[in-house]
Amino acid sequence: MTGENKVKDRITQEKIERYLSITKEALEKLKITAPERSFNRKMADDFLNMATSYYSDAAHFYETGDYINAFASVNYAHGWLDCGARIGLFDVGEDDRLFTLYE
């Protein structure tokens, strides 16, 4: 691997800030679609709890300079959001910039 490729593949402060920003925007945008007393609501709440917990971990790791764990955590957070959006637990307004939708 050349020196140039190694620089491209680094987890930089700018990359982490970008991923944190995108995931924060996604968290702020989504709405839970499942009715309050339904099983799907419990799943939606759990998915959102997992996403917010991983996002919080990512922010903590970022603040302490641990970019590798910040990167891993923010990607886990966004994975929970994408999954919830894709299976219909979250209304994301058909936003395929912030979320991975089925169609």
C-alpha atoms as a PDB file:
ATOM      1  CA  MET A   1       0.000   0.000   0.000  1.00  0.00           C
ATOM      2  CA  THR A   2       1.391   3.383  -0.911  1.00  0.00           C
ATOM      3  CA  GLY A   3       1.697   6.250   1.529  1.00  0.00           C
ATOM      4  CA  GLU A   4      -1.043   8.119  -0.329  1.00  0.00           C
ATOM      5  CA  ASN A   5      -3.567   5.299   0.195  1.00  0.00           C
ATOM      6  CA  LYS A   6      -2.735   5.073   3.888  1.00  0.00           C
ATOM      7  CA  VAL A   7      -3.617   8.750   4.323  1.00  0.00           C
ATOM      8  CA  LYS A   8      -6.951   8.285   2.494  1.00  0.00           C
ATOM      9  CA  ASP A   9      -7.905   5.367   4.720  1.00  0.00           C
ATOM     10  CA  ARG A  10      -7.368   7.136   8.038  1.00  0.00           C
ATOM     11  CA  ILE A  11     -10.202   7.902  10.389  1.00  0.00           C
ATOM     12  CA  THR A  12      -9.762  11.636  10.699  1.00  0.00           C
ATOM     13  CA  GLN A  13     -11.425  14.164  12.951  1.00  0.00           C
ATOM     14  CA  GLU A  14     -13.248  15.561   9.916  1.00  0.00           C
ATOM     15  CA  LYS A  15     -14.637  12.143   8.978  1.00  0.00           C
ATOM     16  CA  ILE A  16     -15.852  11.446  12.498  1.00  0.00           C
ATOM     17  CA  GLU A  17     -17.455  14.888  12.722  1.00  0.00           C
ATOM     18  CA  ARG A  18     -19.204  14.271   9.390  1.00  0.00           C
ATOM     19  CA  TYR A  19     -20.558  10.878  10.465  1.00  0.00           C
ATOM     20  CA  LEU A  20     -21.676  12.225  13.840  1.00  0.00           C
ATOM     21  CA  SER A  21     -23.432  15.109  12.107  1.00  0.00           C
ATOM     22  CA  ILE A  22     -25.252  12.833   9.654  1.00  0.00           C
ATOM     23  CA  THR A  23     -26.386  10.466  12.399  1.00  0.00           C
ATOM     24  CA  LYS A  24     -27.502  13.355  14.610  1.00  0.00           C
ATOM     25  CA  GLU A  25     -29.553  14.734  11.723  1.00  0.00           C
ATOM     26  CA  ALA A  26     -31.098  11.293  11.155  1.00  0.00           C
ATOM     27  CA  LEU A  27     -31.982  10.947  14.853  1.00  0.00           C
ATOM     28  CA  GLU A  28     -33.678  14.345  14.786  1.00  0.00           C
ATOM     29  CA  LYS A  29     -35.628  13.575  11.616  1.00  0.00           C
ATOM     30  CA  LEU A  30     -37.204  10.195  12.283  1.00  0.00           C
ATOM     31  CA  LYS A  31     -40.618   9.653  13.807  1.00  0.00           C
ATOM     32  CA  ILE A  32     -41.826   6.419  15.339  1.00  0.00           C
ATOM     33  CA  THR A  33     -44.746   5.112  13.284  1.00  0.00           C
ATOM     34  CA  ALA A  34     -45.923   2.226  15.450  1.00  0.00           C
ATOM     35  CA  PRO A  35     -48.944   2.758  17.725  1.00  0.00           C
ATOM     36  CA  GLU A  36     -48.137   3.292  21.407  1.00  0.00           C
ATOM     37  CA  ARG A  37     -49.542  -0.034  22.662  1.00  0.00           C
ATOM     38  CA  SER A  38     -48.282  -2.248  19.832  1.00  0.00           C
ATOM     39  CA  PHE A  39     -45.456  -4.770  19.823  1.00  0.00           C
ATOM     40  CA  ASN A  40     -43.872  -2.799  16.997  1.00  0.00           C
ATOM     41  CA  ARG A  41     -43.758   0.259  19.258  1.00  0.00           C
ATOM     42  CA  LYS A  42     -41.677  -1.688  21.766  1.00  0.00           C
ATOM     43  CA  MET A  43     -39.339  -2.692  18.922  1.00  0.00           C
ATOM     44  CA  ALA A  44     -39.183   0.873  17.600  1.00  0.00           C
ATOM     45  CA  ASP A  45     -38.407   2.222  21.069  1.00  0.00           C
ATOM     46  CA  ASP A  46     -35.706  -0.430  21.500  1.00  0.00           C
ATOM     47  CA  PHE A  47     -34.160   0.327  18.090  1.00  0.00           C
ATOM     48  CA  LEU A  48     -34.141   4.037  18.886  1.00  0.00           C
ATOM     49  CA  ASN A  49     -32.650   3.381  22.329  1.00  0.00           C
ATOM     50  CA  MET A  50     -29.876   1.290  20.775  1.00  0.00           C
ATOM     51  CA  ALA A  51     -29.166   3.976  18.179  1.00  0.00           C
ATOM     52  CA  THR A  52     -29.083   6.807  20.714  1.00  0.00           C
ATOM     53  CA  SER A  53     -26.900   4.768  23.077  1.00  0.00           C
ATOM     54  CA  TYR A  54     -24.369   4.002  20.353  1.00  0.00           C
ATOM     55  CA  TYR A  55     -24.493   7.634  19.197  1.00  0.00           C
ATOM     56  CA  SER A  56     -23.792   8.779  22.759  1.00  0.00           C
ATOM     57  CA  ASP A  57     -20.886   6.329  22.969  1.00  0.00           C
ATOM     58  CA  ALA A  58     -19.558   7.640  19.649  1.00  0.00           C
ATOM     59  CA  ALA A  59     -19.700  11.226  20.894  1.00  0.00           C
ATOM     60  CA  HIS A  60     -17.874  10.229  24.084  1.00  0.00           C
ATOM     61  CA  PHE A  61     -15.163   8.372  22.183  1.00  0.00           C
ATOM     62  CA  TYR A  62     -14.792  11.335  19.810  1.00  0.00           C
ATOM     63  CA  GLU A  63     -14.386  13.754  22.732  1.00  0.00           C
ATOM     64  CA  THR A  64     -11.650  11.567  24.232  1.00  0.00           C
ATOM     65  CA  GLY A  65      -9.820  11.310  20.913  1.00  0.00           C
ATOM     66  CA  ASP A  66     -10.613   7.623  20.385  1.00  0.00           C
ATOM     67  CA  TYR A  67     -11.568   7.938  16.720  1.00  0.00           C
ATOM     68  CA  ILE A  68     -11.587   4.205  16.003  1.00  0.00           C
ATOM     69  CA  ASN A  69     -14.232   3.435  18.616  1.00  0.00           C
ATOM     70  CA  ALA A  70     -16.104   6.630  17.719  1.00  0.00           C
ATOM     71  CA  PHE A  71     -16.223   5.478  14.097  1.00  0.00           C
ATOM     72  CA  ALA A  72     -17.389   1.996  15.054  1.00  0.00           C
ATOM     73  CA  SER A  73     -20.051   3.299  17.436  1.00  0.00           C
ATOM     74  CA  VAL A  74     -21.502   5.889  15.075  1.00  0.00           C
ATOM     75  CA  ASN A  75     -21.765   3.242  12.365  1.00  0.00           C
ATOM     76  CA  TYR A  76     -23.587   0.878  14.726  1.00  0.00           C
ATOM     77  CA  ALA A  77     -25.915   3.741  15.672  1.00  0.00           C
ATOM     78  CA  HIS A  78     -26.738   4.493  12.077  1.00  0.00           C
ATOM     79  CA  GLY A  79     -27.193   0.794  11.315  1.00  0.00           C
ATOM     80  CA  TRP A  80     -29.990   0.634  13.903  1.00  0.00           C
ATOM     81  CA  LEU A  81     -31.588   3.710  12.335  1.00  0.00           C
ATOM     82  CA  ASP A  82     -31.356   2.301   8.821  1.00  0.00           C
ATOM     83  CA  CYS A  83     -32.827  -1.001   9.926  1.00  0.00           C
ATOM     84  CA  GLY A  84     -35.727   0.701  11.730  1.00  0.00           C
ATOM     85  CA  ALA A  85     -36.434   2.856   8.688  1.00  0.00           C
ATOM     86  CA  ARG A  86     -36.188  -0.044   6.278  1.00  0.00           C
ATOM     87  CA  ILE A  87     -38.650  -2.281   8.149  1.00  0.00           C
ATOM     88  CA  GLY A  88     -41.098   0.558   8.735  1.00  0.00           C
ATOM     89  CA  LEU A  89     -40.668   1.260  12.450  1.00  0.00           C
ATOM     90  CA  PHE A  90     -39.572   4.818  11.674  1.00  0.00           C
ATOM     91  CA  ASP A  91     -41.081   7.355   9.316  1.00  0.00           C
ATOM     92  CA  VAL A  92     -38.134   9.088   7.676  1.00  0.00           C
ATOM     93  CA  GLY A  93     -40.019  10.945   4.981  1.00  0.00           C
ATOM     94  CA  GLU A  94     -38.564   8.757   2.216  1.00  0.00           C
ATOM     95  CA  ASP A  95     -35.178  10.358   2.887  1.00  0.00           C
ATOM     96  CA  ASP A  96     -32.660   8.190   1.072  1.00  0.00           C
ATOM     97  CA  ARG A  97     -29.811  10.577   1.813  1.00  0.00           C
ATOM     98  CA  LEU A  98     -29.853   9.927   5.570  1.00  0.00           C
ATOM     99  CA  PHE A  99     -31.322   6.413   5.521  1.00  0.00           C
ATOM    100  CA  THR A 100     -31.028   3.206   3.523  1.00  0.00           C
ATOM    101  CA  LEU A 101     -34.561   2.494   2.365  1.00  0.00           C
ATOM    102  CA  TYR A 102     -35.922  -0.657   0.761  1.00  0.00           C
ATOM    103  CA  GLU A 103     -36.963   1.041  -2.480  1.00  0.00           C
END
